Amino acid sequence: MTDGAVDTGPPFVAPGAGRWALDLSHFDGGTTPIAMSAMTYGVEDAFAESFAAQGIPARTMSVRWSNGFAYSRLLPLVGAERPSSKAPPAFAVQLLSRLHPEF
């Protein structure tokens, strides 16, 4: 490239529904394959166990990689695999908090 731009490779394609966010606070690129593997497979189990133990109304946190950069998403207890464009209405959250055992 001659204009000084950095070639970051192909754009990130979300591996599933939900809101994926670039996580530069923990990994700023150039992450090793070993760290990527550990984070991809270890994070979900660790967060799921921690959330359940602390009563956090979320299923887990997912991490996936694109061009050496980490992207994460928080999976809610309900509707985690459906695409979302906005937060659920307050009445739905109140109803779920009374009906769903983990809420």
C-alpha atoms as a PDB file:
ATOM      1  CA  MET A   1       0.000   0.000   0.000  1.00  0.00           C
ATOM      2  CA  THR A   2       1.333   3.391  -0.869  1.00  0.00           C
ATOM      3  CA  ASP A   3      -1.023   5.711   1.009  1.00  0.00           C
ATOM      4  CA  GLY A   4       0.223   4.770   4.496  1.00  0.00           C
ATOM      5  CA  ALA A   5      -2.900   2.756   5.367  1.00  0.00           C
ATOM      6  CA  VAL A   6      -2.457  -0.488   7.259  1.00  0.00           C
ATOM      7  CA  ASP A   7      -3.699  -3.622   5.542  1.00  0.00           C
ATOM      8  CA  THR A   8      -5.827  -5.401   8.145  1.00  0.00           C
ATOM      9  CA  GLY A   9      -6.894  -8.198   5.834  1.00  0.00           C
ATOM     10  CA  PRO A  10     -10.473  -9.217   5.266  1.00  0.00           C
ATOM     11  CA  PRO A  11     -13.168  -7.522   7.350  1.00  0.00           C
ATOM     12  CA  PHE A  12     -14.519  -9.181  10.472  1.00  0.00           C
ATOM     13  CA  VAL A  13     -17.562 -11.342   9.827  1.00  0.00           C
ATOM     14  CA  ALA A  14     -19.610 -12.004  12.946  1.00  0.00           C
ATOM     15  CA  PRO A  15     -19.595 -15.742  13.761  1.00  0.00           C
ATOM     16  CA  GLY A  16     -23.121 -15.576  15.163  1.00  0.00           C
ATOM     17  CA  ALA A  17     -25.989 -13.377  16.196  1.00  0.00           C
ATOM     18  CA  GLY A  18     -25.619 -10.667  18.789  1.00  0.00           C
ATOM     19  CA  ARG A  19     -23.508  -7.578  19.157  1.00  0.00           C
ATOM     20  CA  TRP A  20     -19.810  -8.233  18.691  1.00  0.00           C
ATOM     21  CA  ALA A  21     -17.409  -5.561  19.924  1.00  0.00           C
ATOM     22  CA  LEU A  22     -13.732  -5.095  19.147  1.00  0.00           C
ATOM     23  CA  ASP A  23     -11.821  -5.622  22.398  1.00  0.00           C
ATOM     24  CA  LEU A  24      -8.637  -3.563  22.294  1.00  0.00           C
ATOM     25  CA  SER A  25      -8.453  -3.272  26.087  1.00  0.00           C
ATOM     26  CA  HIS A  26      -7.040  -6.784  26.492  1.00  0.00           C
ATOM     27  CA  PHE A  27      -5.595  -7.660  23.079  1.00  0.00           C
ATOM     28  CA  ASP A  28      -4.330  -4.972  20.735  1.00  0.00           C
ATOM     29  CA  GLY A  29      -3.508  -7.284  17.827  1.00  0.00           C
ATOM     30  CA  GLY A  30      -0.604  -9.581  17.153  1.00  0.00           C
ATOM     31  CA  THR A  31      -1.982 -12.160  19.578  1.00  0.00           C
ATOM     32  CA  THR A  32      -0.314 -15.577  19.527  1.00  0.00           C
ATOM     33  CA  PRO A  33      -2.217 -18.667  18.341  1.00  0.00           C
ATOM     34  CA  ILE A  34      -1.904 -20.240  21.802  1.00  0.00           C
ATOM     35  CA  ALA A  35      -3.528 -17.212  23.483  1.00  0.00           C
ATOM     36  CA  MET A  36      -6.260 -17.145  20.836  1.00  0.00           C
ATOM     37  CA  SER A  37      -7.062 -20.816  21.393  1.00  0.00           C
ATOM     38  CA  ALA A  38      -7.100 -20.483  25.185  1.00  0.00           C
ATOM     39  CA  MET A  39      -9.341 -17.422  25.056  1.00  0.00           C
ATOM     40  CA  THR A  40     -11.726 -18.895  22.492  1.00  0.00           C
ATOM     41  CA  TYR A  41     -12.353 -22.091  24.409  1.00  0.00           C
ATOM     42  CA  GLY A  42     -11.639 -21.103  28.006  1.00  0.00           C
ATOM     43  CA  VAL A  43     -13.510 -17.825  28.305  1.00  0.00           C
ATOM     44  CA  GLU A  44     -17.038 -19.141  27.739  1.00  0.00           C
ATOM     45  CA  ASP A  45     -16.816 -21.829  30.425  1.00  0.00           C
ATOM     46  CA  ALA A  46     -15.142 -19.499  32.921  1.00  0.00           C
ATOM     47  CA  PHE A  47     -17.675 -16.709  32.432  1.00  0.00           C
ATOM     48  CA  ALA A  48     -20.631 -19.113  32.505  1.00  0.00           C
ATOM     49  CA  GLU A  49     -19.470 -20.544  35.834  1.00  0.00           C
ATOM     50  CA  SER A  50     -18.718 -17.128  37.286  1.00  0.00           C
ATOM     51  CA  PHE A  51     -22.012 -15.590  36.132  1.00  0.00           C
ATOM     52  CA  ALA A  52     -24.008 -18.484  37.621  1.00  0.00           C
ATOM     53  CA  ALA A  53     -22.118 -18.342  40.927  1.00  0.00           C
ATOM     54  CA  GLN A  54     -22.592 -14.589  41.259  1.00  0.00           C
ATOM     55  CA  GLY A  55     -26.201 -14.518  40.057  1.00  0.00           C
ATOM     56  CA  ILE A  56     -25.451 -12.371  37.009  1.00  0.00           C
ATOM     57  CA  PRO A  57     -28.386 -12.578  34.570  1.00  0.00           C
ATOM     58  CA  ALA A  58     -26.267 -13.511  31.538  1.00  0.00           C
ATOM     59  CA  ARG A  59     -25.297 -16.870  30.054  1.00  0.00           C
ATOM     60  CA  THR A  60     -21.648 -16.233  29.204  1.00  0.00           C
ATOM     61  CA  MET A  61     -19.164 -14.084  27.270  1.00  0.00           C
ATOM     62  CA  SER A  62     -17.892 -15.237  23.866  1.00  0.00           C
ATOM     63  CA  VAL A  63     -14.595 -14.291  22.242  1.00  0.00           C
ATOM     64  CA  ARG A  64     -13.701 -14.837  18.593  1.00  0.00           C
ATOM     65  CA  TRP A  65     -10.760 -13.633  16.506  1.00  0.00           C
ATOM     66  CA  SER A  66     -10.324 -11.828  13.209  1.00  0.00           C
ATOM     67  CA  ASN A  67      -6.907 -10.859  11.874  1.00  0.00           C
ATOM     68  CA  GLY A  68      -5.365 -11.243  15.343  1.00  0.00           C
ATOM     69  CA  PHE A  69      -7.921  -8.978  17.039  1.00  0.00           C
ATOM     70  CA  ALA A  70     -10.373 -10.121  19.701  1.00  0.00           C
ATOM     71  CA  TYR A  71     -14.113  -9.555  19.323  1.00  0.00           C
ATOM     72  CA  SER A  72     -16.414 -10.307  22.231  1.00  0.00           C
ATOM     73  CA  ARG A  73     -20.128 -10.497  22.946  1.00  0.00           C
ATOM     74  CA  LEU A  74     -22.217 -10.955  26.056  1.00  0.00           C
ATOM     75  CA  LEU A  75     -24.831 -13.690  25.709  1.00  0.00           C
ATOM     76  CA  PRO A  76     -28.056 -13.027  27.600  1.00  0.00           C
ATOM     77  CA  LEU A  77     -30.002 -15.805  29.306  1.00  0.00           C
ATOM     78  CA  VAL A  78     -32.853 -15.518  26.803  1.00  0.00           C
ATOM     79  CA  GLY A  79     -32.626 -15.081  23.040  1.00  0.00           C
ATOM     80  CA  ALA A  80     -28.847 -15.275  22.807  1.00  0.00           C
ATOM     81  CA  GLU A  81     -28.755 -16.653  19.274  1.00  0.00           C
ATOM     82  CA  ARG A  82     -31.280 -14.254  17.756  1.00  0.00           C
ATOM     83  CA  PRO A  83     -30.078 -11.099  16.040  1.00  0.00           C
ATOM     84  CA  SER A  84     -30.770  -8.012  18.122  1.00  0.00           C
ATOM     85  CA  SER A  85     -30.985  -4.402  17.124  1.00  0.00           C
ATOM     86  CA  LYS A  86     -32.168  -2.891  20.401  1.00  0.00           C
ATOM     87  CA  ALA A  87     -32.640  -3.696  24.081  1.00  0.00           C
ATOM     88  CA  PRO A  88     -35.799  -5.576  25.092  1.00  0.00           C
ATOM     89  CA  PRO A  89     -38.692  -3.536  26.456  1.00  0.00           C
ATOM     90  CA  ALA A  90     -38.687  -2.985  30.218  1.00  0.00           C
ATOM     91  CA  PHE A  91     -41.916  -4.947  30.755  1.00  0.00           C
ATOM     92  CA  ALA A  92     -40.352  -8.013  29.076  1.00  0.00           C
ATOM     93  CA  VAL A  93     -37.319  -7.843  31.357  1.00  0.00           C
ATOM     94  CA  GLN A  94     -39.554  -7.495  34.421  1.00  0.00           C
ATOM     95  CA  LEU A  95     -41.650 -10.476  33.318  1.00  0.00           C
ATOM     96  CA  LEU A  96     -38.587 -12.626  32.639  1.00  0.00           C
ATOM     97  CA  SER A  97     -37.120 -11.711  36.019  1.00  0.00           C
ATOM     98  CA  ARG A  98     -40.184 -13.239  37.634  1.00  0.00           C
ATOM     99  CA  LEU A  99     -40.515 -16.303  35.383  1.00  0.00           C
ATOM    100  CA  HIS A 100     -36.978 -17.366  34.471  1.00  0.00           C
ATOM    101  CA  PRO A 101     -35.284 -19.199  37.373  1.00  0.00           C
ATOM    102  CA  GLU A 102     -31.814 -17.744  36.684  1.00  0.00           C
ATOM    103  CA  PHE A 103     -33.112 -14.166  36.643  1.00  0.00           C
END
